[in-house]
């Protein structure tokens, strides 16, 4: 099978690149598998302190592979009468999510920050994969679309869940109902873009390296709190802050952070 994702890890930074440039990194079955397998490996790798996900070639990701739409229209089914394109989407294969949804959500489950470096286009499923990252660094002129309505579908790679924490409800409805294409400045205004960068890949790597130099324990604790905060009440969030802080204070990583600052040197975090 042609390699769909290339991953290198250097000094705690995982550089994840969608590598189907001839198809603008469109999502076929092999790409879904690669996203899931890559995410699961990074979840388990305790040496990883930050992740950058980007796309090779002209785009971040153009969405679902066009071949899948042709198969949907043809009514392609197996002997049991089930679609050969999707299978049973209602089946939960990854906790609360199905396989396609978890291709976007797995980046939230990676216990360290994930930065999506986005350029060219992020359409449909590609947009939803980018939303799964903690932050999105985006090139000027990048085009986005909640494109599923064009094909008679709804966003179903966790897009409804991920968009709600970033944009107003009426904006989400507009983009979902129309499927219209919008660019970087509008995406920033809606809350989908974290930074506009002339070279988002380079800037994402720079920030990832900066994060990798921070206390790994504190970074992971912060992500746990931030992941839970949107669905938690005030009391739960306040308690989570206190519980995590109690674990951090006096620990080896916190002591090293203090000493590195006092001695004006780069920290050296063990483990």
C-alpha atoms as a PDB file:
ATOM      1  CA  UNK A   1       0.000   0.000   0.000  1.00  0.00           C
ATOM      2  CA  UNK A   2       1.238   3.470  -0.857  1.00  0.00           C
ATOM      3  CA  UNK A   3       2.323   5.314   2.251  1.00  0.00           C
ATOM      4  CA  UNK A   4      -0.442   7.746   3.203  1.00  0.00           C
ATOM      5  CA  UNK A   5       1.190   9.441   6.196  1.00  0.00           C
ATOM      6  CA  UNK A   6       4.852  10.131   6.944  1.00  0.00           C
ATOM      7  CA  UNK A   7       5.851  10.674  10.558  1.00  0.00           C
ATOM      8  CA  UNK A   8       9.194  11.706  12.011  1.00  0.00           C
ATOM      9  CA  UNK A   9       9.904  12.471  15.662  1.00  0.00           C
ATOM     10  CA  UNK A  10      12.722  14.846  16.558  1.00  0.00           C
ATOM     11  CA  UNK A  11      13.445  16.056  20.108  1.00  0.00           C
ATOM     12  CA  UNK A  12       9.900  15.278  21.209  1.00  0.00           C
ATOM     13  CA  UNK A  13       8.140  16.885  18.223  1.00  0.00           C
ATOM     14  CA  UNK A  14       6.170  14.548  15.955  1.00  0.00           C
ATOM     15  CA  UNK A  15       5.988  15.838  12.382  1.00  0.00           C
ATOM     16  CA  UNK A  16       2.957  14.157  10.762  1.00  0.00           C
ATOM     17  CA  UNK A  17       2.493  14.759   7.019  1.00  0.00           C
ATOM     18  CA  UNK A  18      -0.424  13.603   4.904  1.00  0.00           C
ATOM     19  CA  UNK A  19       1.401  12.181   1.889  1.00  0.00           C
ATOM     20  CA  UNK A  20      -1.110  11.758  -0.921  1.00  0.00           C
ATOM     21  CA  UNK A  21      -0.175  14.953  -2.699  1.00  0.00           C
ATOM     22  CA  UNK A  22      -1.349  13.832  -6.158  1.00  0.00           C
ATOM     23  CA  UNK A  23      -4.919  13.618  -4.760  1.00  0.00           C
ATOM     24  CA  UNK A  24      -4.624  16.716  -2.544  1.00  0.00           C
ATOM     25  CA  UNK A  25      -4.455  14.312   0.409  1.00  0.00           C
ATOM     26  CA  UNK A  26      -8.054  13.183  -0.127  1.00  0.00           C
ATOM     27  CA  UNK A  27      -9.461  10.704   2.360  1.00  0.00           C
ATOM     28  CA  UNK A  28      -9.681   7.175   0.996  1.00  0.00           C
ATOM     29  CA  UNK A  29      -9.871   4.062   3.147  1.00  0.00           C
ATOM     30  CA  UNK A  30      -6.096   3.826   3.367  1.00  0.00           C
ATOM     31  CA  UNK A  31      -5.862   7.435   4.566  1.00  0.00           C
ATOM     32  CA  UNK A  32      -8.481   6.812   7.253  1.00  0.00           C
ATOM     33  CA  UNK A  33      -6.498   3.787   8.411  1.00  0.00           C
ATOM     34  CA  UNK A  34      -3.272   5.798   8.422  1.00  0.00           C
ATOM     35  CA  UNK A  35      -4.829   8.626  10.442  1.00  0.00           C
ATOM     36  CA  UNK A  36      -6.132   6.200  13.046  1.00  0.00           C
ATOM     37  CA  UNK A  37      -2.943   4.152  13.273  1.00  0.00           C
ATOM     38  CA  UNK A  38      -0.759   7.260  13.475  1.00  0.00           C
ATOM     39  CA  UNK A  39      -2.940   8.792  16.162  1.00  0.00           C
ATOM     40  CA  UNK A  40      -2.942   5.614  18.238  1.00  0.00           C
ATOM     41  CA  UNK A  41       0.850   5.309  18.031  1.00  0.00           C
ATOM     42  CA  UNK A  42       1.341   8.916  19.123  1.00  0.00           C
ATOM     43  CA  UNK A  43      -1.086   8.455  22.012  1.00  0.00           C
ATOM     44  CA  UNK A  44       1.106   5.669  23.364  1.00  0.00           C
ATOM     45  CA  UNK A  45       4.509   7.302  22.725  1.00  0.00           C
ATOM     46  CA  UNK A  46       5.573   8.986  25.955  1.00  0.00           C
ATOM     47  CA  UNK A  47       8.560  10.614  24.250  1.00  0.00           C
ATOM     48  CA  UNK A  48       6.242  12.846  22.195  1.00  0.00           C
ATOM     49  CA  UNK A  49       5.692  16.328  23.638  1.00  0.00           C
ATOM     50  CA  UNK A  50       3.968  18.084  20.713  1.00  0.00           C
ATOM     51  CA  UNK A  51       2.582  17.178  17.287  1.00  0.00           C
ATOM     52  CA  UNK A  52       2.350  19.044  13.977  1.00  0.00           C
ATOM     53  CA  UNK A  53      -0.001  17.676  11.311  1.00  0.00           C
ATOM     54  CA  UNK A  54       0.188  19.062   7.769  1.00  0.00           C
ATOM     55  CA  UNK A  55      -0.401  18.082   4.159  1.00  0.00           C
ATOM     56  CA  UNK A  56       2.179  17.657   1.414  1.00  0.00           C
ATOM     57  CA  UNK A  57       1.701  19.289  -1.972  1.00  0.00           C
ATOM     58  CA  UNK A  58      -0.948  21.881  -2.830  1.00  0.00           C
ATOM     59  CA  UNK A  59      -3.373  21.321   0.053  1.00  0.00           C
ATOM     60  CA  UNK A  60      -3.915  20.181   3.597  1.00  0.00           C
ATOM     61  CA  UNK A  61      -6.783  17.865   2.656  1.00  0.00           C
ATOM     62  CA  UNK A  62      -9.477  18.094  -0.027  1.00  0.00           C
ATOM     63  CA  UNK A  63     -11.926  15.887   1.883  1.00  0.00           C
ATOM     64  CA  UNK A  64     -13.412  12.527   0.985  1.00  0.00           C
ATOM     65  CA  UNK A  65     -11.960  10.839  -2.092  1.00  0.00           C
ATOM     66  CA  UNK A  66     -14.160  11.441  -5.148  1.00  0.00           C
ATOM     67  CA  UNK A  67     -14.309   7.719  -5.857  1.00  0.00           C
ATOM     68  CA  UNK A  68     -16.377   7.184  -2.723  1.00  0.00           C
ATOM     69  CA  UNK A  69     -19.093   9.538  -3.978  1.00  0.00           C
ATOM     70  CA  UNK A  70     -19.377   7.594  -7.222  1.00  0.00           C
ATOM     71  CA  UNK A  71     -19.822   4.372  -5.288  1.00  0.00           C
ATOM     72  CA  UNK A  72     -22.486   5.987  -3.070  1.00  0.00           C
ATOM     73  CA  UNK A  73     -24.429   7.143  -6.133  1.00  0.00           C
ATOM     74  CA  UNK A  74     -24.221   3.685  -7.699  1.00  0.00           C
ATOM     75  CA  UNK A  75     -25.833   2.094  -4.652  1.00  0.00           C
ATOM     76  CA  UNK A  76     -22.894  -0.279  -4.302  1.00  0.00           C
ATOM     77  CA  UNK A  77     -23.916  -2.874  -1.693  1.00  0.00           C
ATOM     78  CA  UNK A  78     -22.607  -6.175  -0.426  1.00  0.00           C
ATOM     79  CA  UNK A  79     -24.439  -9.499  -0.266  1.00  0.00           C
ATOM     80  CA  UNK A  80     -26.092  -8.527   3.008  1.00  0.00           C
ATOM     81  CA  UNK A  81     -27.534  -5.393   1.422  1.00  0.00           C
ATOM     82  CA  UNK A  82     -25.232  -3.047   3.350  1.00  0.00           C
ATOM     83  CA  UNK A  83     -23.343  -0.192   1.717  1.00  0.00           C
ATOM     84  CA  UNK A  84     -19.823  -1.117   0.641  1.00  0.00           C
ATOM     85  CA  UNK A  85     -18.828   2.527   1.034  1.00  0.00           C
ATOM     86  CA  UNK A  86     -19.645   3.225   4.652  1.00  0.00           C
ATOM     87  CA  UNK A  87     -20.617   0.046   6.468  1.00  0.00           C
ATOM     88  CA  UNK A  88     -22.697   0.709   9.571  1.00  0.00           C
ATOM     89  CA  UNK A  89     -21.929   4.266  10.651  1.00  0.00           C
ATOM     90  CA  UNK A  90     -24.021   3.930  13.796  1.00  0.00           C
ATOM     91  CA  UNK A  91     -21.665   1.302  15.172  1.00  0.00           C
ATOM     92  CA  UNK A  92     -19.399   2.811  17.846  1.00  0.00           C
ATOM     93  CA  UNK A  93     -15.891   1.485  17.253  1.00  0.00           C
ATOM     94  CA  UNK A  94     -13.832   3.998  19.260  1.00  0.00           C
ATOM     95  CA  UNK A  95     -15.615   4.875  22.495  1.00  0.00           C
ATOM     96  CA  UNK A  96     -18.381   7.356  21.633  1.00  0.00           C
ATOM     97  CA  UNK A  97     -17.245   7.597  17.989  1.00  0.00           C
ATOM     98  CA  UNK A  98     -17.193   5.525  14.824  1.00  0.00           C
ATOM     99  CA  UNK A  99     -14.088   4.980  12.721  1.00  0.00           C
ATOM    100  CA  UNK A 100     -14.468   8.075  10.525  1.00  0.00           C
ATOM    101  CA  UNK A 101     -15.262  10.341  13.474  1.00  0.00           C
ATOM    102  CA  UNK A 102     -12.256   9.105  15.389  1.00  0.00           C
ATOM    103  CA  UNK A 103      -9.953  10.018  12.490  1.00  0.00           C
ATOM    104  CA  UNK A 104     -10.640  13.620  13.580  1.00  0.00           C
ATOM    105  CA  UNK A 105     -11.126  13.077  17.322  1.00  0.00           C
ATOM    106  CA  UNK A 106      -7.977  11.011  17.869  1.00  0.00           C
ATOM    107  CA  UNK A 107      -5.937  14.238  17.787  1.00  0.00           C
ATOM    108  CA  UNK A 108      -7.842  15.447  20.864  1.00  0.00           C
ATOM    109  CA  UNK A 109      -7.054  12.164  22.625  1.00  0.00           C
ATOM    110  CA  UNK A 110      -3.326  12.497  22.007  1.00  0.00           C
ATOM    111  CA  UNK A 111      -2.234  13.760  25.458  1.00  0.00           C
ATOM    112  CA  UNK A 112      -0.002  16.554  24.115  1.00  0.00           C
ATOM    113  CA  UNK A 113      -0.800  19.629  21.979  1.00  0.00           C
ATOM    114  CA  UNK A 114      -1.477  19.082  18.282  1.00  0.00           C
ATOM    115  CA  UNK A 115      -1.045  21.929  15.775  1.00  0.00           C
ATOM    116  CA  UNK A 116      -2.589  21.654  12.300  1.00  0.00           C
ATOM    117  CA  UNK A 117      -0.587  23.559   9.660  1.00  0.00           C
ATOM    118  CA  UNK A 118      -3.166  24.230   6.959  1.00  0.00           C
ATOM    119  CA  UNK A 119      -2.719  25.542   3.416  1.00  0.00           C
ATOM    120  CA  UNK A 120      -4.454  25.277   0.055  1.00  0.00           C
ATOM    121  CA  UNK A 121      -7.810  23.754   0.957  1.00  0.00           C
ATOM    122  CA  UNK A 122      -9.429  22.034   3.924  1.00  0.00           C
ATOM    123  CA  UNK A 123     -12.763  20.792   2.606  1.00  0.00           C
ATOM    124  CA  UNK A 124     -15.301  18.489   4.224  1.00  0.00           C
ATOM    125  CA  UNK A 125     -13.495  15.737   6.101  1.00  0.00           C
ATOM    126  CA  UNK A 126     -10.212  17.611   5.753  1.00  0.00           C
ATOM    127  CA  UNK A 127     -11.727  20.591   7.565  1.00  0.00           C
ATOM    128  CA  UNK A 128     -12.952  18.271  10.319  1.00  0.00           C
ATOM    129  CA  UNK A 129      -9.521  16.650  10.746  1.00  0.00           C
ATOM    130  CA  UNK A 130      -8.026  20.140  11.176  1.00  0.00           C
ATOM    131  CA  UNK A 131     -10.688  20.975  13.767  1.00  0.00           C
ATOM    132  CA  UNK A 132      -9.530  17.991  15.801  1.00  0.00           C
ATOM    133  CA  UNK A 133      -6.190  19.694  16.459  1.00  0.00           C
ATOM    134  CA  UNK A 134      -5.653  21.947  19.463  1.00  0.00           C
ATOM    135  CA  UNK A 135      -4.657  24.843  17.198  1.00  0.00           C
ATOM    136  CA  UNK A 136      -4.793  25.684  13.505  1.00  0.00           C
ATOM    137  CA  UNK A 137      -2.045  27.759  11.858  1.00  0.00           C
ATOM    138  CA  UNK A 138      -3.284  28.734   8.407  1.00  0.00           C
ATOM    139  CA  UNK A 139      -1.777  30.287   5.280  1.00  0.00           C
ATOM    140  CA  UNK A 140      -3.427  33.388   3.752  1.00  0.00           C
ATOM    141  CA  UNK A 141      -5.918  32.485   1.046  1.00  0.00           C
ATOM    142  CA  UNK A 142      -6.570  28.974   2.327  1.00  0.00           C
ATOM    143  CA  UNK A 143     -10.081  27.844   1.402  1.00  0.00           C
ATOM    144  CA  UNK A 144     -12.444  25.985   3.717  1.00  0.00           C
ATOM    145  CA  UNK A 145     -15.848  24.392   3.312  1.00  0.00           C
ATOM    146  CA  UNK A 146     -18.299  22.309   5.293  1.00  0.00           C
ATOM    147  CA  UNK A 147     -18.835  20.686   1.928  1.00  0.00           C
ATOM    148  CA  UNK A 148     -20.927  17.613   2.721  1.00  0.00           C
ATOM    149  CA  UNK A 149     -24.243  19.211   1.678  1.00  0.00           C
ATOM    150  CA  UNK A 150     -22.904  19.434  -1.896  1.00  0.00           C
ATOM    151  CA  UNK A 151     -23.012  15.635  -1.973  1.00  0.00           C
ATOM    152  CA  UNK A 152     -26.328  15.287  -0.171  1.00  0.00           C
ATOM    153  CA  UNK A 153     -24.709  14.553   3.183  1.00  0.00           C
ATOM    154  CA  UNK A 154     -24.125  16.093   6.606  1.00  0.00           C
ATOM    155  CA  UNK A 155     -20.714  16.599   8.254  1.00  0.00           C
ATOM    156  CA  UNK A 156     -20.157  13.350  10.136  1.00  0.00           C
ATOM    157  CA  UNK A 157     -16.468  13.244  11.072  1.00  0.00           C
ATOM    158  CA  UNK A 158     -17.196  14.896  14.434  1.00  0.00           C
ATOM    159  CA  UNK A 159     -17.644  18.247  12.679  1.00  0.00           C
ATOM    160  CA  UNK A 160     -20.907  19.111  14.433  1.00  0.00           C
ATOM    161  CA  UNK A 161     -19.260  18.445  17.800  1.00  0.00           C
ATOM    162  CA  UNK A 162     -15.996  20.243  17.058  1.00  0.00           C
ATOM    163  CA  UNK A 163     -17.484  23.320  15.379  1.00  0.00           C
ATOM    164  CA  UNK A 164     -19.817  24.072  18.280  1.00  0.00           C
ATOM    165  CA  UNK A 165     -16.929  24.984  20.565  1.00  0.00           C
ATOM    166  CA  UNK A 166     -15.413  27.420  18.074  1.00  0.00           C
ATOM    167  CA  UNK A 167     -18.134  29.302  16.204  1.00  0.00           C
ATOM    168  CA  UNK A 168     -21.622  30.728  16.824  1.00  0.00           C
ATOM    169  CA  UNK A 169     -24.543  28.417  16.170  1.00  0.00           C
ATOM    170  CA  UNK A 170     -25.962  30.541  13.350  1.00  0.00           C
ATOM    171  CA  UNK A 171     -22.561  30.585  11.602  1.00  0.00           C
ATOM    172  CA  UNK A 172     -22.340  26.795  11.823  1.00  0.00           C
ATOM    173  CA  UNK A 173     -25.847  26.517  10.380  1.00  0.00           C
ATOM    174  CA  UNK A 174     -24.983  28.880   7.511  1.00  0.00           C
ATOM    175  CA  UNK A 175     -21.847  26.942   6.576  1.00  0.00           C
ATOM    176  CA  UNK A 176     -23.514  23.540   6.980  1.00  0.00           C
ATOM    177  CA  UNK A 177     -26.673  24.383   5.012  1.00  0.00           C
ATOM    178  CA  UNK A 178     -24.904  26.155   2.125  1.00  0.00           C
ATOM    179  CA  UNK A 179     -21.590  24.331   1.878  1.00  0.00           C
ATOM    180  CA  UNK A 180     -20.106  27.598   0.636  1.00  0.00           C
ATOM    181  CA  UNK A 181     -16.358  28.102   0.390  1.00  0.00           C
ATOM    182  CA  UNK A 182     -14.830  30.667   2.744  1.00  0.00           C
ATOM    183  CA  UNK A 183     -11.240  31.835   3.149  1.00  0.00           C
ATOM    184  CA  UNK A 184      -8.734  32.417   5.917  1.00  0.00           C
ATOM    185  CA  UNK A 185      -9.867  35.843   7.133  1.00  0.00           C
ATOM    186  CA  UNK A 186     -13.476  34.732   7.514  1.00  0.00           C
ATOM    187  CA  UNK A 187     -12.377  31.484   9.160  1.00  0.00           C
ATOM    188  CA  UNK A 188     -10.370  33.534  11.668  1.00  0.00           C
ATOM    189  CA  UNK A 189     -13.374  35.741  12.412  1.00  0.00           C
ATOM    190  CA  UNK A 190     -15.514  32.653  13.046  1.00  0.00           C
ATOM    191  CA  UNK A 191     -12.954  31.114  15.422  1.00  0.00           C
ATOM    192  CA  UNK A 192     -11.700  28.270  13.236  1.00  0.00           C
ATOM    193  CA  UNK A 193      -8.195  29.730  12.749  1.00  0.00           C
ATOM    194  CA  UNK A 194      -5.686  30.279  15.563  1.00  0.00           C
ATOM    195  CA  UNK A 195      -2.988  32.139  13.612  1.00  0.00           C
ATOM    196  CA  UNK A 196      -2.544  33.349  10.041  1.00  0.00           C
ATOM    197  CA  UNK A 197       1.015  32.549   8.921  1.00  0.00           C
ATOM    198  CA  UNK A 198       2.848  32.990   5.641  1.00  0.00           C
ATOM    199  CA  UNK A 199       4.482  29.618   6.341  1.00  0.00           C
ATOM    200  CA  UNK A 200       2.158  27.748   8.722  1.00  0.00           C
ATOM    201  CA  UNK A 201       4.226  24.564   8.644  1.00  0.00           C
ATOM    202  CA  UNK A 202       7.427  26.337   9.734  1.00  0.00           C
ATOM    203  CA  UNK A 203       5.636  28.351  12.403  1.00  0.00           C
ATOM    204  CA  UNK A 204       3.826  25.279  13.711  1.00  0.00           C
ATOM    205  CA  UNK A 205       7.139  23.442  14.084  1.00  0.00           C
ATOM    206  CA  UNK A 206       8.641  26.447  15.887  1.00  0.00           C
ATOM    207  CA  UNK A 207       5.753  26.579  18.358  1.00  0.00           C
ATOM    208  CA  UNK A 208       5.793  22.790  18.791  1.00  0.00           C
ATOM    209  CA  UNK A 209       9.491  22.954  19.707  1.00  0.00           C
ATOM    210  CA  UNK A 210       8.710  25.736  22.194  1.00  0.00           C
ATOM    211  CA  UNK A 211       5.994  23.568  23.775  1.00  0.00           C
ATOM    212  CA  UNK A 212       8.386  20.597  23.860  1.00  0.00           C
ATOM    213  CA  UNK A 213      10.676  22.674  26.076  1.00  0.00           C
ATOM    214  CA  UNK A 214       7.939  23.131  28.689  1.00  0.00           C
ATOM    215  CA  UNK A 215       7.192  20.742  31.550  1.00  0.00           C
ATOM    216  CA  UNK A 216       5.692  17.604  29.947  1.00  0.00           C
ATOM    217  CA  UNK A 217       3.629  16.923  33.046  1.00  0.00           C
ATOM    218  CA  UNK A 218       2.155  20.436  33.082  1.00  0.00           C
ATOM    219  CA  UNK A 219       1.421  20.399  29.341  1.00  0.00           C
ATOM    220  CA  UNK A 220      -0.421  17.071  29.593  1.00  0.00           C
ATOM    221  CA  UNK A 221      -2.332  18.264  32.657  1.00  0.00           C
ATOM    222  CA  UNK A 222      -3.373  21.443  30.853  1.00  0.00           C
ATOM    223  CA  UNK A 223      -4.651  19.450  27.871  1.00  0.00           C
ATOM    224  CA  UNK A 224      -6.685  17.153  30.129  1.00  0.00           C
ATOM    225  CA  UNK A 225      -8.381  20.167  31.728  1.00  0.00           C
ATOM    226  CA  UNK A 226      -8.976  21.934  28.411  1.00  0.00           C
ATOM    227  CA  UNK A 227     -10.390  18.781  26.784  1.00  0.00           C
ATOM    228  CA  UNK A 228     -12.932  18.338  29.579  1.00  0.00           C
ATOM    229  CA  UNK A 229     -13.800  22.009  30.100  1.00  0.00           C
ATOM    230  CA  UNK A 230     -16.367  22.489  27.281  1.00  0.00           C
ATOM    231  CA  UNK A 231     -18.681  19.819  28.708  1.00  0.00           C
ATOM    232  CA  UNK A 232     -18.010  20.462  32.411  1.00  0.00           C
ATOM    233  CA  UNK A 233     -19.665  22.838  34.856  1.00  0.00           C
ATOM    234  CA  UNK A 234     -17.756  25.532  36.729  1.00  0.00           C
ATOM    235  CA  UNK A 235     -17.299  23.408  39.833  1.00  0.00           C
ATOM    236  CA  UNK A 236     -15.822  20.508  37.898  1.00  0.00           C
ATOM    237  CA  UNK A 237     -13.368  22.760  36.062  1.00  0.00           C
ATOM    238  CA  UNK A 238     -12.231  24.471  39.255  1.00  0.00           C
ATOM    239  CA  UNK A 239     -11.742  21.126  40.969  1.00  0.00           C
ATOM    240  CA  UNK A 240      -9.788  19.767  37.990  1.00  0.00           C
ATOM    241  CA  UNK A 241      -7.431  22.757  38.187  1.00  0.00           C
ATOM    242  CA  UNK A 242      -6.785  22.049  41.855  1.00  0.00           C
ATOM    243  CA  UNK A 243      -6.343  18.288  41.449  1.00  0.00           C
ATOM    244  CA  UNK A 244      -3.899  18.673  38.573  1.00  0.00           C
ATOM    245  CA  UNK A 245      -1.954  21.398  40.372  1.00  0.00           C
ATOM    246  CA  UNK A 246      -1.591  19.264  43.496  1.00  0.00           C
ATOM    247  CA  UNK A 247      -0.005  16.553  41.340  1.00  0.00           C
ATOM    248  CA  UNK A 248       2.411  19.006  39.703  1.00  0.00           C
ATOM    249  CA  UNK A 249       3.665  20.999  42.698  1.00  0.00           C
ATOM    250  CA  UNK A 250       6.980  19.643  43.939  1.00  0.00           C
ATOM    251  CA  UNK A 251       7.295  17.103  41.160  1.00  0.00           C
ATOM    252  CA  UNK A 252      10.518  16.532  39.245  1.00  0.00           C
ATOM    253  CA  UNK A 253       9.316  18.425  36.176  1.00  0.00           C
ATOM    254  CA  UNK A 254       8.143  21.415  38.206  1.00  0.00           C
ATOM    255  CA  UNK A 255      11.434  21.558  40.095  1.00  0.00           C
ATOM    256  CA  UNK A 256      13.362  21.476  36.809  1.00  0.00           C
ATOM    257  CA  UNK A 257      11.193  24.256  35.372  1.00  0.00           C
ATOM    258  CA  UNK A 258      11.959  26.439  38.390  1.00  0.00           C
ATOM    259  CA  UNK A 259      15.703  25.737  38.324  1.00  0.00           C
ATOM    260  CA  UNK A 260      15.983  26.319  34.576  1.00  0.00           C
ATOM    261  CA  UNK A 261      14.321  29.706  34.949  1.00  0.00           C
ATOM    262  CA  UNK A 262      16.458  30.701  37.930  1.00  0.00           C
ATOM    263  CA  UNK A 263      19.657  29.554  36.199  1.00  0.00           C
ATOM    264  CA  UNK A 264      18.594  31.064  32.854  1.00  0.00           C
ATOM    265  CA  UNK A 265      19.130  27.838  30.887  1.00  0.00           C
ATOM    266  CA  UNK A 266      17.165  25.452  28.740  1.00  0.00           C
ATOM    267  CA  UNK A 267      15.317  22.914  30.888  1.00  0.00           C
ATOM    268  CA  UNK A 268      16.138  19.207  30.740  1.00  0.00           C
ATOM    269  CA  UNK A 269      13.019  17.219  31.581  1.00  0.00           C
ATOM    270  CA  UNK A 270      13.550  13.531  32.296  1.00  0.00           C
ATOM    271  CA  UNK A 271      11.047  10.843  31.376  1.00  0.00           C
END
